[in-house]
Amino acid sequence: MAIFFSFVPWFIFWIFLSLRMIEIAALGGFVFALLIIIFDVWKKYSIKILQLGTLIFFFIIAILAFVVNLDWLGRWVNPIGTIALALIMFISIIIKKPFTLQYAKETTPIVKWKSPQFIRVNYIISWVWFIMLFINSFFSVLFTTILPVKIWVNWTISLSCFGVAIAFTQIYRNHIKKKR
């Protein structure tokens, strides 16, 4: 459940972005990303790669929202955002700290943390999330550059990508638990 809260800034961002409220989308994403990190520090949880990447992204976008041409930013900020989120996930895998591992450690006994199966499961889940966000990014760029579509089409694809990642995570975790 904790991983869900790390996506709240993104959902706020996308909701306000779809309403063409770029500055509020950027500031809302930044404020919520900051609040989530403050809450986790207060609760003595670790700061996650996903949370830190999200905070950095929204800090940059919040500044850009007040400095760059809003027409340009309004057109490109969604594809930039989906690419940034996919990159955060990809970087976490490349640096050998798959983003799901940090969340899984908060609900898994410490004796299992170094288990090859525990680590492998988190790599697989993180790869699936990255692939789904990469697909989402592809369509976001496609819809921005070549094939303009109604906003509901974009939302349907985005939510479907998230839905597949969430469903896979739950189904795969349950499958692994049954195998034990």
N, C-alpha and C. Protein backbone atom coordinates (compact mmCIF):
# COMPACT_ATOMS: atom_id res chain seq x y z
N MET A 1 0.82 -1.21 0.00
CA MET A 1 0.00 0.00 0.00
C MET A 1 0.86 1.26 0.00
N ALA A 2 2.02 1.18 0.64
CA ALA A 2 2.89 2.36 0.72
C ALA A 2 3.33 2.82 -0.66
N ILE A 3 3.50 1.88 -1.57
CA ILE A 3 3.94 2.25 -2.92
C ILE A 3 2.87 3.11 -3.61
N PHE A 4 1.62 2.88 -3.30
CA PHE A 4 0.54 3.67 -3.89
C PHE A 4 0.73 5.16 -3.60
N PHE A 5 1.09 5.48 -2.36
CA PHE A 5 1.25 6.89 -1.98
C PHE A 5 2.37 7.57 -2.76
N SER A 6 3.36 6.81 -3.21
CA SER A 6 4.43 7.40 -4.01
C SER A 6 3.96 7.83 -5.39
N PHE A 7 2.83 7.30 -5.82
CA PHE A 7 2.27 7.68 -7.12
C PHE A 7 1.25 8.82 -7.01
N VAL A 8 0.85 9.18 -5.81
CA VAL A 8 -0.15 10.25 -5.62
C VAL A 8 0.30 11.55 -6.29
N PRO A 9 1.56 11.98 -6.14
CA PRO A 9 1.95 13.23 -6.84
C PRO A 9 1.75 13.15 -8.34
N TRP A 10 1.99 11.97 -8.91
CA TRP A 10 1.81 11.80 -10.35
C TRP A 10 0.33 11.88 -10.74
N PHE A 11 -0.52 11.26 -9.96
CA PHE A 11 -1.96 11.32 -10.26
C PHE A 11 -2.48 12.74 -10.14
N ILE A 12 -2.04 13.46 -9.12
CA ILE A 12 -2.44 14.87 -8.97
C ILE A 12 -1.95 15.67 -10.18
N PHE A 13 -0.73 15.43 -10.56
CA PHE A 13 -0.14 16.10 -11.71
C PHE A 13 -0.97 15.85 -12.97
N TRP A 14 -1.27 14.58 -13.24
CA TRP A 14 -2.01 14.25 -14.45
C TRP A 14 -3.44 14.78 -14.43
N ILE A 15 -4.08 14.79 -13.29
CA ILE A 15 -5.44 15.31 -13.20
C ILE A 15 -5.45 16.80 -13.54
N PHE A 16 -4.58 17.57 -12.88
CA PHE A 16 -4.56 19.01 -13.15
C PHE A 16 -4.04 19.32 -14.55
N LEU A 17 -3.14 18.48 -15.03
CA LEU A 17 -2.63 18.67 -16.39
C LEU A 17 -3.75 18.48 -17.41
N SER A 18 -4.61 17.48 -17.17
CA SER A 18 -5.72 17.25 -18.10
C SER A 18 -6.72 18.40 -18.08
N LEU A 19 -6.71 19.18 -17.00
CA LEU A 19 -7.56 20.37 -16.91
C LEU A 19 -6.84 21.62 -17.43
N ARG A 20 -5.63 21.40 -17.99
CA ARG A 20 -4.80 22.47 -18.54
C ARG A 20 -4.35 23.47 -17.47
N MET A 21 -4.17 23.00 -16.26
CA MET A 21 -3.70 23.84 -15.16
C MET A 21 -2.26 23.44 -14.84
N ILE A 22 -1.35 23.85 -15.72
CA ILE A 22 0.03 23.37 -15.68
C ILE A 22 0.75 23.77 -14.41
N GLU A 23 0.62 25.03 -14.00
CA GLU A 23 1.32 25.48 -12.80
C GLU A 23 0.83 24.73 -11.56
N ILE A 24 -0.49 24.56 -11.46
CA ILE A 24 -1.06 23.84 -10.31
C ILE A 24 -0.65 22.37 -10.37
N ALA A 25 -0.61 21.79 -11.56
CA ALA A 25 -0.18 20.40 -11.72
C ALA A 25 1.25 20.23 -11.22
N ALA A 26 2.13 21.11 -11.64
CA ALA A 26 3.55 21.03 -11.26
C ALA A 26 3.74 21.27 -9.76
N LEU A 27 3.12 22.34 -9.26
CA LEU A 27 3.26 22.64 -7.82
C LEU A 27 2.59 21.58 -6.96
N GLY A 28 1.42 21.11 -7.39
CA GLY A 28 0.73 20.06 -6.64
C GLY A 28 1.55 18.79 -6.57
N GLY A 29 2.15 18.39 -7.69
CA GLY A 29 3.02 17.22 -7.70
C GLY A 29 4.20 17.40 -6.77
N PHE A 30 4.82 18.59 -6.84
CA PHE A 30 5.98 18.87 -5.98
C PHE A 30 5.61 18.85 -4.50
N VAL A 31 4.53 19.55 -4.14
CA VAL A 31 4.13 19.62 -2.73
C VAL A 31 3.79 18.24 -2.19
N PHE A 32 3.04 17.46 -2.94
CA PHE A 32 2.69 16.12 -2.45
C PHE A 32 3.90 15.20 -2.38
N ALA A 33 4.83 15.32 -3.34
CA ALA A 33 6.06 14.52 -3.29
C ALA A 33 6.87 14.87 -2.05
N LEU A 34 6.95 16.16 -1.75
CA LEU A 34 7.67 16.62 -0.56
C LEU A 34 6.99 16.14 0.72
N LEU A 35 5.66 16.25 0.78
CA LEU A 35 4.92 15.80 1.96
C LEU A 35 5.09 14.30 2.21
N ILE A 36 5.12 13.52 1.17
CA ILE A 36 5.29 12.07 1.31
C ILE A 36 6.66 11.76 1.89
N ILE A 37 7.69 12.45 1.39
CA ILE A 37 9.04 12.23 1.92
C ILE A 37 9.12 12.69 3.37
N ILE A 38 8.55 13.84 3.69
CA ILE A 38 8.55 14.33 5.08
C ILE A 38 7.85 13.33 5.99
N PHE A 39 6.72 12.81 5.55
CA PHE A 39 5.99 11.82 6.35
C PHE A 39 6.84 10.57 6.58
N ASP A 40 7.48 10.07 5.53
CA ASP A 40 8.31 8.87 5.67
C ASP A 40 9.49 9.11 6.60
N VAL A 41 10.12 10.27 6.50
CA VAL A 41 11.23 10.59 7.41
C VAL A 41 10.71 10.67 8.84
N TRP A 42 9.57 11.29 9.02
CA TRP A 42 8.95 11.40 10.35
C TRP A 42 8.65 10.01 10.93
N LYS A 43 8.17 9.09 10.07
CA LYS A 43 7.86 7.72 10.51
C LYS A 43 9.10 6.83 10.55
N LYS A 44 10.26 7.42 10.24
CA LYS A 44 11.54 6.71 10.23
C LYS A 44 11.63 5.63 9.15
N TYR A 45 10.94 5.87 8.03
CA TYR A 45 11.07 5.00 6.85
C TYR A 45 12.19 5.57 5.99
N SER A 46 12.70 4.73 5.12
CA SER A 46 13.75 5.21 4.21
C SER A 46 13.12 6.06 3.11
N ILE A 47 13.95 6.95 2.57
CA ILE A 47 13.52 7.72 1.40
C ILE A 47 13.75 6.82 0.19
N LYS A 48 12.73 6.65 -0.60
CA LYS A 48 12.76 5.73 -1.73
C LYS A 48 13.27 6.41 -2.99
N ILE A 49 13.86 5.62 -3.87
CA ILE A 49 14.34 6.12 -5.15
C ILE A 49 13.19 6.74 -5.94
N LEU A 50 12.04 6.07 -5.93
CA LEU A 50 10.87 6.59 -6.64
C LEU A 50 10.44 7.94 -6.07
N GLN A 51 10.46 8.07 -4.75
CA GLN A 51 10.05 9.33 -4.13
C GLN A 51 11.04 10.45 -4.44
N LEU A 52 12.32 10.14 -4.35
CA LEU A 52 13.34 11.16 -4.61
C LEU A 52 13.32 11.60 -6.08
N GLY A 53 13.23 10.63 -6.99
CA GLY A 53 13.14 10.97 -8.40
C GLY A 53 11.91 11.79 -8.72
N THR A 54 10.80 11.44 -8.07
CA THR A 54 9.55 12.19 -8.25
C THR A 54 9.71 13.63 -7.75
N LEU A 55 10.31 13.79 -6.59
CA LEU A 55 10.52 15.13 -6.03
C LEU A 55 11.39 15.98 -6.96
N ILE A 56 12.48 15.41 -7.43
CA ILE A 56 13.38 16.14 -8.33
C ILE A 56 12.65 16.53 -9.62
N PHE A 57 11.90 15.58 -10.19
CA PHE A 57 11.16 15.89 -11.41
C PHE A 57 10.20 17.06 -11.19
N PHE A 58 9.40 16.98 -10.14
CA PHE A 58 8.41 18.04 -9.92
C PHE A 58 9.04 19.36 -9.52
N PHE A 59 10.19 19.34 -8.87
CA PHE A 59 10.90 20.57 -8.57
C PHE A 59 11.28 21.27 -9.87
N ILE A 60 11.85 20.50 -10.80
CA ILE A 60 12.26 21.05 -12.10
C ILE A 60 11.05 21.54 -12.89
N ILE A 61 10.00 20.74 -12.94
CA ILE A 61 8.80 21.12 -13.70
C ILE A 61 8.11 22.34 -13.08
N ALA A 62 8.11 22.42 -11.74
CA ALA A 62 7.49 23.58 -11.08
C ALA A 62 8.24 24.86 -11.46
N ILE A 63 9.55 24.79 -11.51
CA ILE A 63 10.34 25.96 -11.93
C ILE A 63 10.04 26.29 -13.39
N LEU A 64 10.06 25.27 -14.24
CA LEU A 64 9.80 25.49 -15.67
C LEU A 64 8.41 26.08 -15.92
N ALA A 65 7.44 25.69 -15.10
CA ALA A 65 6.07 26.17 -15.28
C ALA A 65 5.98 27.69 -15.15
N PHE A 66 6.95 28.27 -14.46
CA PHE A 66 6.92 29.72 -14.27
C PHE A 66 7.96 30.45 -15.12
N VAL A 67 8.75 29.69 -15.89
CA VAL A 67 9.81 30.32 -16.66
C VAL A 67 9.67 30.12 -18.17
N VAL A 68 9.17 28.97 -18.58
CA VAL A 68 9.08 28.67 -20.02
C VAL A 68 7.69 28.97 -20.56
N ASN A 69 7.62 28.98 -21.85
CA ASN A 69 6.35 29.19 -22.53
C ASN A 69 5.38 28.07 -22.15
N LEU A 70 4.23 28.46 -21.62
CA LEU A 70 3.26 27.46 -21.15
C LEU A 70 2.63 26.66 -22.29
N ASP A 71 2.55 27.23 -23.47
CA ASP A 71 2.02 26.46 -24.60
C ASP A 71 2.94 25.28 -24.90
N TRP A 72 4.25 25.57 -24.96
CA TRP A 72 5.21 24.50 -25.22
C TRP A 72 5.20 23.48 -24.07
N LEU A 73 5.28 23.97 -22.86
CA LEU A 73 5.31 23.07 -21.71
C LEU A 73 4.03 22.25 -21.62
N GLY A 74 2.89 22.90 -21.85
CA GLY A 74 1.61 22.20 -21.81
C GLY A 74 1.54 21.06 -22.82
N ARG A 75 2.18 21.26 -23.95
CA ARG A 75 2.16 20.21 -24.97
C ARG A 75 3.09 19.05 -24.61
N TRP A 76 4.25 19.36 -24.03
CA TRP A 76 5.28 18.34 -23.85
C TRP A 76 5.42 17.79 -22.43
N VAL A 77 4.80 18.41 -21.46
CA VAL A 77 5.05 17.99 -20.08
C VAL A 77 4.50 16.59 -19.77
N ASN A 78 3.43 16.18 -20.41
CA ASN A 78 2.92 14.82 -20.16
C ASN A 78 3.89 13.76 -20.69
N PRO A 79 4.33 13.85 -21.96
CA PRO A 79 5.32 12.87 -22.39
C PRO A 79 6.62 12.93 -21.58
N ILE A 80 7.05 14.14 -21.24
CA ILE A 80 8.26 14.28 -20.42
C ILE A 80 8.05 13.60 -19.07
N GLY A 81 6.88 13.78 -18.49
CA GLY A 81 6.57 13.18 -17.19
C GLY A 81 6.53 11.66 -17.24
N THR A 82 5.89 11.10 -18.27
CA THR A 82 5.81 9.64 -18.34
C THR A 82 7.19 9.04 -18.61
N ILE A 83 7.98 9.74 -19.42
CA ILE A 83 9.36 9.27 -19.67
C ILE A 83 10.17 9.36 -18.38
N ALA A 84 10.02 10.46 -17.64
CA ALA A 84 10.77 10.62 -16.38
C ALA A 84 10.42 9.51 -15.40
N LEU A 85 9.14 9.19 -15.28
CA LEU A 85 8.73 8.14 -14.35
C LEU A 85 9.30 6.78 -14.78
N ALA A 86 9.25 6.49 -16.08
CA ALA A 86 9.84 5.25 -16.58
C ALA A 86 11.35 5.23 -16.32
N LEU A 87 12.01 6.36 -16.52
CA LEU A 87 13.46 6.44 -16.28
C LEU A 87 13.82 6.23 -14.81
N ILE A 88 13.02 6.78 -13.92
CA ILE A 88 13.27 6.57 -12.49
C ILE A 88 13.26 5.07 -12.20
N MET A 89 12.28 4.37 -12.75
CA MET A 89 12.18 2.93 -12.53
C MET A 89 13.35 2.20 -13.17
N PHE A 90 13.71 2.60 -14.39
CA PHE A 90 14.82 1.96 -15.09
C PHE A 90 16.14 2.19 -14.35
N ILE A 91 16.38 3.40 -13.93
CA ILE A 91 17.61 3.72 -13.19
C ILE A 91 17.69 2.90 -11.91
N SER A 92 16.56 2.72 -11.23
CA SER A 92 16.59 1.93 -10.00
C SER A 92 17.04 0.49 -10.28
N ILE A 93 16.65 -0.04 -11.43
CA ILE A 93 17.05 -1.40 -11.81
C ILE A 93 18.53 -1.42 -12.18
N ILE A 94 18.97 -0.45 -12.95
CA ILE A 94 20.36 -0.38 -13.41
C ILE A 94 21.34 -0.24 -12.23
N ILE A 95 20.96 0.53 -11.22
CA ILE A 95 21.86 0.71 -10.07
C ILE A 95 21.69 -0.41 -9.04
N LYS A 96 20.95 -1.45 -9.44
CA LYS A 96 20.75 -2.65 -8.62
C LYS A 96 19.98 -2.37 -7.33
N LYS A 97 19.04 -1.43 -7.42
CA LYS A 97 18.13 -1.14 -6.32
C LYS A 97 16.72 -1.00 -6.89
N PRO A 98 16.16 -2.13 -7.41
CA PRO A 98 14.83 -2.02 -8.04
C PRO A 98 13.85 -1.34 -7.09
N PHE A 99 13.12 -0.38 -7.62
CA PHE A 99 12.31 0.48 -6.76
C PHE A 99 11.33 -0.27 -5.88
N THR A 100 10.83 -1.42 -6.32
CA THR A 100 9.87 -2.17 -5.50
C THR A 100 10.54 -2.81 -4.29
N LEU A 101 11.83 -3.05 -4.36
CA LEU A 101 12.57 -3.68 -3.26
C LEU A 101 12.50 -2.85 -1.99
N GLN A 102 12.60 -1.54 -2.13
CA GLN A 102 12.56 -0.67 -0.96
C GLN A 102 11.21 -0.74 -0.25
N TYR A 103 10.15 -0.86 -1.01
CA TYR A 103 8.81 -0.98 -0.41
C TYR A 103 8.62 -2.37 0.19
N ALA A 104 9.09 -3.38 -0.52
CA ALA A 104 8.93 -4.76 -0.06
C ALA A 104 9.65 -5.00 1.27
N LYS A 105 10.79 -4.35 1.44
CA LYS A 105 11.56 -4.52 2.68
C LYS A 105 10.79 -4.01 3.90
N GLU A 106 9.89 -3.06 3.70
CA GLU A 106 9.13 -2.52 4.82
C GLU A 106 8.08 -3.49 5.35
N THR A 107 7.75 -4.52 4.57
CA THR A 107 6.72 -5.48 5.00
C THR A 107 7.24 -6.92 5.02
N THR A 108 8.55 -7.07 4.85
CA THR A 108 9.14 -8.41 4.80
C THR A 108 10.16 -8.53 5.92
N PRO A 109 10.18 -9.67 6.62
CA PRO A 109 11.17 -9.87 7.68
C PRO A 109 12.60 -9.72 7.13
N ILE A 110 13.46 -9.13 7.91
CA ILE A 110 14.83 -8.83 7.50
C ILE A 110 15.60 -10.08 7.06
N VAL A 111 15.27 -11.23 7.60
CA VAL A 111 15.98 -12.46 7.25
C VAL A 111 15.78 -12.85 5.78
N LYS A 112 14.75 -12.33 5.15
CA LYS A 112 14.47 -12.67 3.75
C LYS A 112 15.05 -11.66 2.76
N TRP A 113 15.57 -10.55 3.24
CA TRP A 113 16.02 -9.48 2.36
C TRP A 113 17.12 -9.90 1.39
N LYS A 114 17.98 -10.78 1.79
CA LYS A 114 19.10 -11.20 0.92
C LYS A 114 18.79 -12.47 0.15
N SER A 115 17.59 -12.99 0.33
CA SER A 115 17.17 -14.19 -0.38
C SER A 115 17.16 -13.93 -1.88
N PRO A 116 17.80 -14.82 -2.66
CA PRO A 116 17.79 -14.64 -4.12
C PRO A 116 16.37 -14.56 -4.69
N GLN A 117 15.46 -15.34 -4.12
CA GLN A 117 14.07 -15.31 -4.61
C GLN A 117 13.43 -13.95 -4.33
N PHE A 118 13.62 -13.41 -3.14
CA PHE A 118 13.06 -12.10 -2.77
C PHE A 118 13.59 -11.01 -3.71
N ILE A 119 14.88 -11.05 -3.96
CA ILE A 119 15.50 -10.06 -4.84
C ILE A 119 15.01 -10.24 -6.28
N ARG A 120 14.97 -11.49 -6.75
CA ARG A 120 14.52 -11.78 -8.12
C ARG A 120 13.07 -11.33 -8.34
N VAL A 121 12.21 -11.62 -7.37
CA VAL A 121 10.80 -11.20 -7.47
C VAL A 121 10.70 -9.69 -7.64
N ASN A 122 11.50 -8.95 -6.89
CA ASN A 122 11.44 -7.49 -6.98
C ASN A 122 12.02 -6.97 -8.28
N TYR A 123 13.03 -7.64 -8.80
CA TYR A 123 13.53 -7.26 -10.12
C TYR A 123 12.45 -7.47 -11.18
N ILE A 124 11.79 -8.62 -11.13
CA ILE A 124 10.75 -8.92 -12.12
C ILE A 124 9.62 -7.92 -12.04
N ILE A 125 9.15 -7.64 -10.84
CA ILE A 125 8.06 -6.66 -10.67
C ILE A 125 8.50 -5.28 -11.15
N SER A 126 9.71 -4.88 -10.80
CA SER A 126 10.21 -3.56 -11.23
C SER A 126 10.34 -3.48 -12.75
N TRP A 127 10.80 -4.58 -13.39
CA TRP A 127 10.89 -4.60 -14.84
C TRP A 127 9.50 -4.47 -15.48
N VAL A 128 8.52 -5.15 -14.92
CA VAL A 128 7.15 -5.06 -15.48
C VAL A 128 6.64 -3.62 -15.37
N TRP A 129 6.86 -3.00 -14.20
CA TRP A 129 6.45 -1.60 -14.04
C TRP A 129 7.14 -0.71 -15.07
N PHE A 130 8.45 -0.90 -15.22
CA PHE A 130 9.19 -0.10 -16.20
C PHE A 130 8.62 -0.30 -17.61
N ILE A 131 8.40 -1.55 -18.00
CA ILE A 131 7.88 -1.84 -19.34
C ILE A 131 6.51 -1.19 -19.55
N MET A 132 5.64 -1.26 -18.56
CA MET A 132 4.31 -0.65 -18.70
C MET A 132 4.43 0.87 -18.79
N LEU A 133 5.34 1.47 -18.02
CA LEU A 133 5.52 2.92 -18.10
C LEU A 133 6.22 3.31 -19.40
N PHE A 134 7.07 2.45 -19.92
CA PHE A 134 7.69 2.70 -21.22
C PHE A 134 6.62 2.69 -22.31
N ILE A 135 5.72 1.72 -22.25
CA ILE A 135 4.61 1.66 -23.22
C ILE A 135 3.75 2.92 -23.10
N ASN A 136 3.46 3.32 -21.88
CA ASN A 136 2.69 4.53 -21.64
C ASN A 136 3.42 5.74 -22.24
N SER A 137 4.73 5.80 -22.04
CA SER A 137 5.54 6.90 -22.58
C SER A 137 5.49 6.92 -24.10
N PHE A 138 5.61 5.74 -24.70
CA PHE A 138 5.57 5.63 -26.15
C PHE A 138 4.27 6.24 -26.69
N PHE A 139 3.14 5.85 -26.10
CA PHE A 139 1.87 6.37 -26.58
C PHE A 139 1.72 7.86 -26.28
N SER A 140 2.26 8.30 -25.17
CA SER A 140 2.19 9.72 -24.84
C SER A 140 2.95 10.55 -25.87
N VAL A 141 4.13 10.10 -26.25
CA VAL A 141 4.90 10.80 -27.28
C VAL A 141 4.18 10.71 -28.63
N LEU A 142 3.68 9.53 -28.96
CA LEU A 142 2.95 9.33 -30.21
C LEU A 142 1.76 10.29 -30.31
N PHE A 143 0.99 10.38 -29.23
CA PHE A 143 -0.21 11.22 -29.24
C PHE A 143 0.15 12.70 -29.27
N THR A 144 1.31 13.05 -28.77
CA THR A 144 1.73 14.46 -28.76
C THR A 144 2.31 14.87 -30.10
N THR A 145 2.94 13.95 -30.80
CA THR A 145 3.66 14.31 -32.02
C THR A 145 2.95 13.97 -33.31
N ILE A 146 2.44 12.75 -33.42
CA ILE A 146 1.95 12.26 -34.71
C ILE A 146 0.44 12.07 -34.76
N LEU A 147 -0.11 11.57 -33.70
CA LEU A 147 -1.49 11.11 -33.71
C LEU A 147 -2.29 11.73 -32.57
N PRO A 148 -2.69 12.99 -32.71
CA PRO A 148 -3.46 13.60 -31.63
C PRO A 148 -4.77 12.85 -31.39
N VAL A 149 -5.09 12.62 -30.13
CA VAL A 149 -6.31 11.89 -29.77
C VAL A 149 -7.04 12.65 -28.68
N LYS A 150 -8.26 12.23 -28.44
CA LYS A 150 -9.05 12.79 -27.34
C LYS A 150 -8.38 12.41 -26.03
N ILE A 151 -8.56 13.24 -25.02
CA ILE A 151 -7.90 13.01 -23.73
C ILE A 151 -8.33 11.68 -23.10
N TRP A 152 -9.56 11.25 -23.34
CA TRP A 152 -10.01 10.00 -22.72
C TRP A 152 -9.24 8.80 -23.28
N VAL A 153 -8.77 8.88 -24.52
CA VAL A 153 -7.97 7.80 -25.09
C VAL A 153 -6.63 7.72 -24.36
N ASN A 154 -6.02 8.88 -24.17
CA ASN A 154 -4.75 8.94 -23.45
C ASN A 154 -4.92 8.41 -22.02
N TRP A 155 -5.98 8.84 -21.35
CA TRP A 155 -6.26 8.38 -19.98
C TRP A 155 -6.49 6.86 -19.95
N THR A 156 -7.22 6.35 -20.93
CA THR A 156 -7.50 4.91 -20.98
C THR A 156 -6.21 4.11 -21.09
N ILE A 157 -5.33 4.55 -21.97
CA ILE A 157 -4.06 3.83 -22.13
C ILE A 157 -3.21 3.96 -20.86
N SER A 158 -3.12 5.17 -20.31
CA SER A 158 -2.33 5.37 -19.09
C SER A 158 -2.84 4.51 -17.94
N LEU A 159 -4.15 4.56 -17.71
CA LEU A 159 -4.71 3.78 -16.61
C LEU A 159 -4.61 2.28 -16.87
N SER A 160 -4.69 1.88 -18.13
CA SER A 160 -4.53 0.47 -18.46
C SER A 160 -3.10 0.00 -18.16
N CYS A 161 -2.13 0.83 -18.50
CA CYS A 161 -0.74 0.47 -18.19
C CYS A 161 -0.53 0.34 -16.68
N PHE A 162 -1.05 1.29 -15.93
CA PHE A 162 -0.95 1.20 -14.47
C PHE A 162 -1.71 -0.02 -13.96
N GLY A 163 -2.88 -0.25 -14.51
CA GLY A 163 -3.69 -1.40 -14.09
C GLY A 163 -2.99 -2.72 -14.32
N VAL A 164 -2.34 -2.86 -15.47
CA VAL A 164 -1.60 -4.09 -15.76
C VAL A 164 -0.46 -4.26 -14.77
N ALA A 165 0.28 -3.18 -14.50
CA ALA A 165 1.40 -3.25 -13.55
C ALA A 165 0.92 -3.62 -12.15
N ILE A 166 -0.17 -3.00 -11.71
CA ILE A 166 -0.72 -3.30 -10.39
C ILE A 166 -1.22 -4.74 -10.33
N ALA A 167 -1.96 -5.15 -11.34
CA ALA A 167 -2.49 -6.52 -11.38
C ALA A 167 -1.36 -7.54 -11.40
N PHE A 168 -0.35 -7.30 -12.23
CA PHE A 168 0.78 -8.23 -12.28
C PHE A 168 1.44 -8.33 -10.92
N THR A 169 1.66 -7.19 -10.28
CA THR A 169 2.31 -7.18 -8.97
C THR A 169 1.54 -8.06 -7.99
N GLN A 170 0.23 -7.88 -7.92
CA GLN A 170 -0.58 -8.66 -6.98
C GLN A 170 -0.62 -10.14 -7.34
N ILE A 171 -0.85 -10.44 -8.60
CA ILE A 171 -0.94 -11.83 -9.03
C ILE A 171 0.39 -12.55 -8.85
N TYR A 172 1.47 -11.90 -9.23
CA TYR A 172 2.79 -12.52 -9.13
C TYR A 172 3.19 -12.73 -7.67
N ARG A 173 2.94 -11.73 -6.83
CA ARG A 173 3.25 -11.89 -5.39
C ARG A 173 2.46 -13.04 -4.80
N ASN A 174 1.19 -13.14 -5.13
CA ASN A 174 0.36 -14.24 -4.62
C ASN A 174 0.85 -15.59 -5.14
N HIS A 175 1.26 -15.62 -6.40
CA HIS A 175 1.81 -16.84 -6.99
C HIS A 175 3.07 -17.29 -6.24
N ILE A 176 3.94 -16.36 -5.96
CA ILE A 176 5.19 -16.68 -5.25
C ILE A 176 4.89 -17.15 -3.82
N LYS A 177 3.94 -16.50 -3.16
CA LYS A 177 3.58 -16.91 -1.79
C LYS A 177 3.03 -18.35 -1.76
N LYS A 178 2.25 -18.71 -2.77
CA LYS A 178 1.68 -20.07 -2.83
C LYS A 178 2.77 -21.11 -3.08
N LYS A 179 3.83 -20.74 -3.79
CA LYS A 179 4.91 -21.66 -4.09
C LYS A 179 5.75 -22.01 -2.86
N ARG A 180 5.72 -21.15 -1.84
CA ARG A 180 6.56 -21.38 -0.66
C ARG A 180 6.10 -22.55 0.12
